[in-house]
Amino acid sequence: SVPPPCAHKFKLLVSEMGSAVVYICEMCGSLPHWYIWECKNCKLKTCRPCAYKA
């Protein structure tokens, strides 16, 4: 059986200044992002445009 789709609730994650941490959008693959939107439910990480589409 297939699980129901996630009702995404996004929160903003920001890397520390001077940090080597950069994020990659899991939907479109764009990078680098110094901040990313993460779903509180399924942990999907997306750029801002993809967060609006999800």
N, C-alpha and C. Protein backbone atom coordinates (compact mmCIF):
# COMPACT_ATOMS: atom_id res chain seq x y z
N SER A 1 0.84 -1.18 0.00
CA SER A 1 0.00 0.00 0.00
C SER A 1 0.88 1.25 0.00
N VAL A 2 0.37 2.29 -0.59
CA VAL A 2 1.10 3.55 -0.71
C VAL A 2 0.67 4.49 0.41
N PRO A 3 1.64 5.11 1.12
CA PRO A 3 1.26 6.03 2.19
C PRO A 3 0.59 7.28 1.60
N PRO A 4 -0.28 7.92 2.36
CA PRO A 4 -0.94 9.13 1.86
C PRO A 4 0.09 10.24 1.66
N PRO A 5 -0.18 11.19 0.77
CA PRO A 5 0.76 12.28 0.55
C PRO A 5 0.90 13.14 1.81
N CYS A 6 2.05 13.72 1.98
CA CYS A 6 2.34 14.55 3.15
C CYS A 6 1.64 15.90 3.02
N ALA A 7 1.07 16.38 4.11
CA ALA A 7 0.53 17.74 4.18
C ALA A 7 1.67 18.61 4.71
N HIS A 8 2.52 19.08 3.78
CA HIS A 8 3.76 19.76 4.16
C HIS A 8 3.53 20.98 5.05
N LYS A 9 4.38 21.10 6.06
CA LYS A 9 4.47 22.29 6.91
C LYS A 9 5.94 22.65 6.96
N PHE A 10 6.32 23.70 6.23
CA PHE A 10 7.73 24.03 6.08
C PHE A 10 8.23 24.98 7.16
N LYS A 11 9.48 24.75 7.57
CA LYS A 11 10.19 25.67 8.46
C LYS A 11 11.51 26.02 7.79
N LEU A 12 12.05 27.17 8.11
CA LEU A 12 13.28 27.65 7.49
C LEU A 12 14.49 27.13 8.25
N LEU A 13 15.45 26.55 7.52
CA LEU A 13 16.74 26.15 8.09
C LEU A 13 17.80 27.07 7.49
N VAL A 14 18.67 27.61 8.34
CA VAL A 14 19.71 28.52 7.87
C VAL A 14 21.06 28.00 8.34
N SER A 15 22.06 27.97 7.44
CA SER A 15 23.40 27.55 7.84
C SER A 15 24.08 28.70 8.58
N GLU A 16 24.99 28.38 9.46
CA GLU A 16 25.73 29.37 10.24
C GLU A 16 26.65 30.20 9.34
N MET A 17 26.86 31.44 9.71
CA MET A 17 27.79 32.29 8.94
C MET A 17 29.18 31.65 8.97
N GLY A 18 29.82 31.58 7.82
CA GLY A 18 31.15 31.00 7.72
C GLY A 18 31.15 29.48 7.68
N SER A 19 29.97 28.88 7.74
CA SER A 19 29.87 27.42 7.73
C SER A 19 30.05 26.90 6.31
N ALA A 20 30.56 25.69 6.20
CA ALA A 20 30.70 25.06 4.90
C ALA A 20 29.42 24.34 4.49
N VAL A 21 28.39 24.40 5.33
CA VAL A 21 27.14 23.71 5.06
C VAL A 21 26.34 24.49 4.02
N VAL A 22 26.03 23.84 2.92
CA VAL A 22 25.11 24.39 1.93
C VAL A 22 24.06 23.32 1.67
N TYR A 23 22.90 23.77 1.27
CA TYR A 23 21.78 22.86 1.04
C TYR A 23 21.50 22.68 -0.44
N ILE A 24 20.97 21.52 -0.79
CA ILE A 24 20.55 21.21 -2.16
C ILE A 24 19.06 20.94 -2.13
N CYS A 25 18.34 21.54 -3.06
CA CYS A 25 16.90 21.31 -3.15
C CYS A 25 16.65 19.86 -3.58
N GLU A 26 15.84 19.14 -2.83
CA GLU A 26 15.54 17.74 -3.14
C GLU A 26 14.51 17.59 -4.26
N MET A 27 13.87 18.68 -4.66
CA MET A 27 12.89 18.58 -5.74
C MET A 27 13.50 18.94 -7.10
N CYS A 28 14.23 20.06 -7.18
CA CYS A 28 14.77 20.49 -8.48
C CYS A 28 16.28 20.33 -8.59
N GLY A 29 16.95 20.05 -7.47
CA GLY A 29 18.40 19.82 -7.50
C GLY A 29 19.25 21.08 -7.54
N SER A 30 18.63 22.26 -7.40
CA SER A 30 19.41 23.50 -7.45
C SER A 30 20.29 23.63 -6.21
N LEU A 31 21.43 24.28 -6.38
CA LEU A 31 22.37 24.51 -5.30
C LEU A 31 23.30 25.64 -5.68
N PRO A 32 24.08 26.23 -4.81
CA PRO A 32 24.02 26.05 -3.36
C PRO A 32 22.98 26.99 -2.75
N HIS A 33 22.42 26.57 -1.64
CA HIS A 33 21.49 27.41 -0.88
C HIS A 33 22.04 27.53 0.54
N TRP A 34 22.10 28.76 1.05
CA TRP A 34 22.57 28.99 2.43
C TRP A 34 21.41 28.82 3.41
N TYR A 35 20.20 28.78 2.86
CA TYR A 35 19.01 28.46 3.67
C TYR A 35 18.11 27.57 2.82
N ILE A 36 17.27 26.81 3.49
CA ILE A 36 16.40 25.85 2.79
C ILE A 36 15.13 25.69 3.62
N TRP A 37 14.06 25.29 2.97
CA TRP A 37 12.79 25.03 3.65
C TRP A 37 12.67 23.54 3.88
N GLU A 38 12.42 23.12 5.14
CA GLU A 38 12.31 21.71 5.49
C GLU A 38 10.91 21.44 6.03
N CYS A 39 10.29 20.38 5.53
CA CYS A 39 8.97 19.98 6.01
C CYS A 39 9.11 19.38 7.41
N LYS A 40 8.29 19.84 8.34
CA LYS A 40 8.33 19.33 9.72
C LYS A 40 7.86 17.88 9.79
N ASN A 41 7.06 17.45 8.82
CA ASN A 41 6.50 16.10 8.84
C ASN A 41 7.40 15.06 8.17
N CYS A 42 7.79 15.32 6.91
CA CYS A 42 8.52 14.30 6.15
C CYS A 42 10.00 14.64 5.92
N LYS A 43 10.45 15.81 6.40
CA LYS A 43 11.86 16.25 6.31
C LYS A 43 12.32 16.55 4.89
N LEU A 44 11.39 16.75 3.95
CA LEU A 44 11.74 17.16 2.60
C LEU A 44 12.38 18.53 2.64
N LYS A 45 13.51 18.70 1.96
CA LYS A 45 14.22 19.99 1.92
C LYS A 45 14.10 20.57 0.52
N THR A 46 13.53 21.80 0.43
CA THR A 46 13.30 22.43 -0.86
C THR A 46 13.74 23.88 -0.85
N CYS A 47 14.01 24.40 -2.07
CA CYS A 47 14.25 25.83 -2.24
C CYS A 47 12.90 26.54 -2.12
N ARG A 48 12.92 27.84 -2.04
CA ARG A 48 11.67 28.58 -1.85
C ARG A 48 10.65 28.37 -2.98
N PRO A 49 11.07 28.45 -4.26
CA PRO A 49 10.08 28.22 -5.32
C PRO A 49 9.45 26.83 -5.25
N CYS A 50 10.23 25.81 -4.95
CA CYS A 50 9.68 24.45 -4.86
C CYS A 50 8.80 24.27 -3.63
N ALA A 51 9.08 24.99 -2.55
CA ALA A 51 8.24 24.91 -1.36
C ALA A 51 6.83 25.39 -1.67
N TYR A 52 6.72 26.41 -2.53
CA TYR A 52 5.39 26.91 -2.93
C TYR A 52 4.66 25.90 -3.80
N LYS A 53 5.40 25.12 -4.58
CA LYS A 53 4.79 24.13 -5.49
C LYS A 53 4.42 22.83 -4.78
N ALA A 54 5.11 22.53 -3.67
CA ALA A 54 4.93 21.22 -2.99
C ALA A 54 3.58 21.07 -2.35
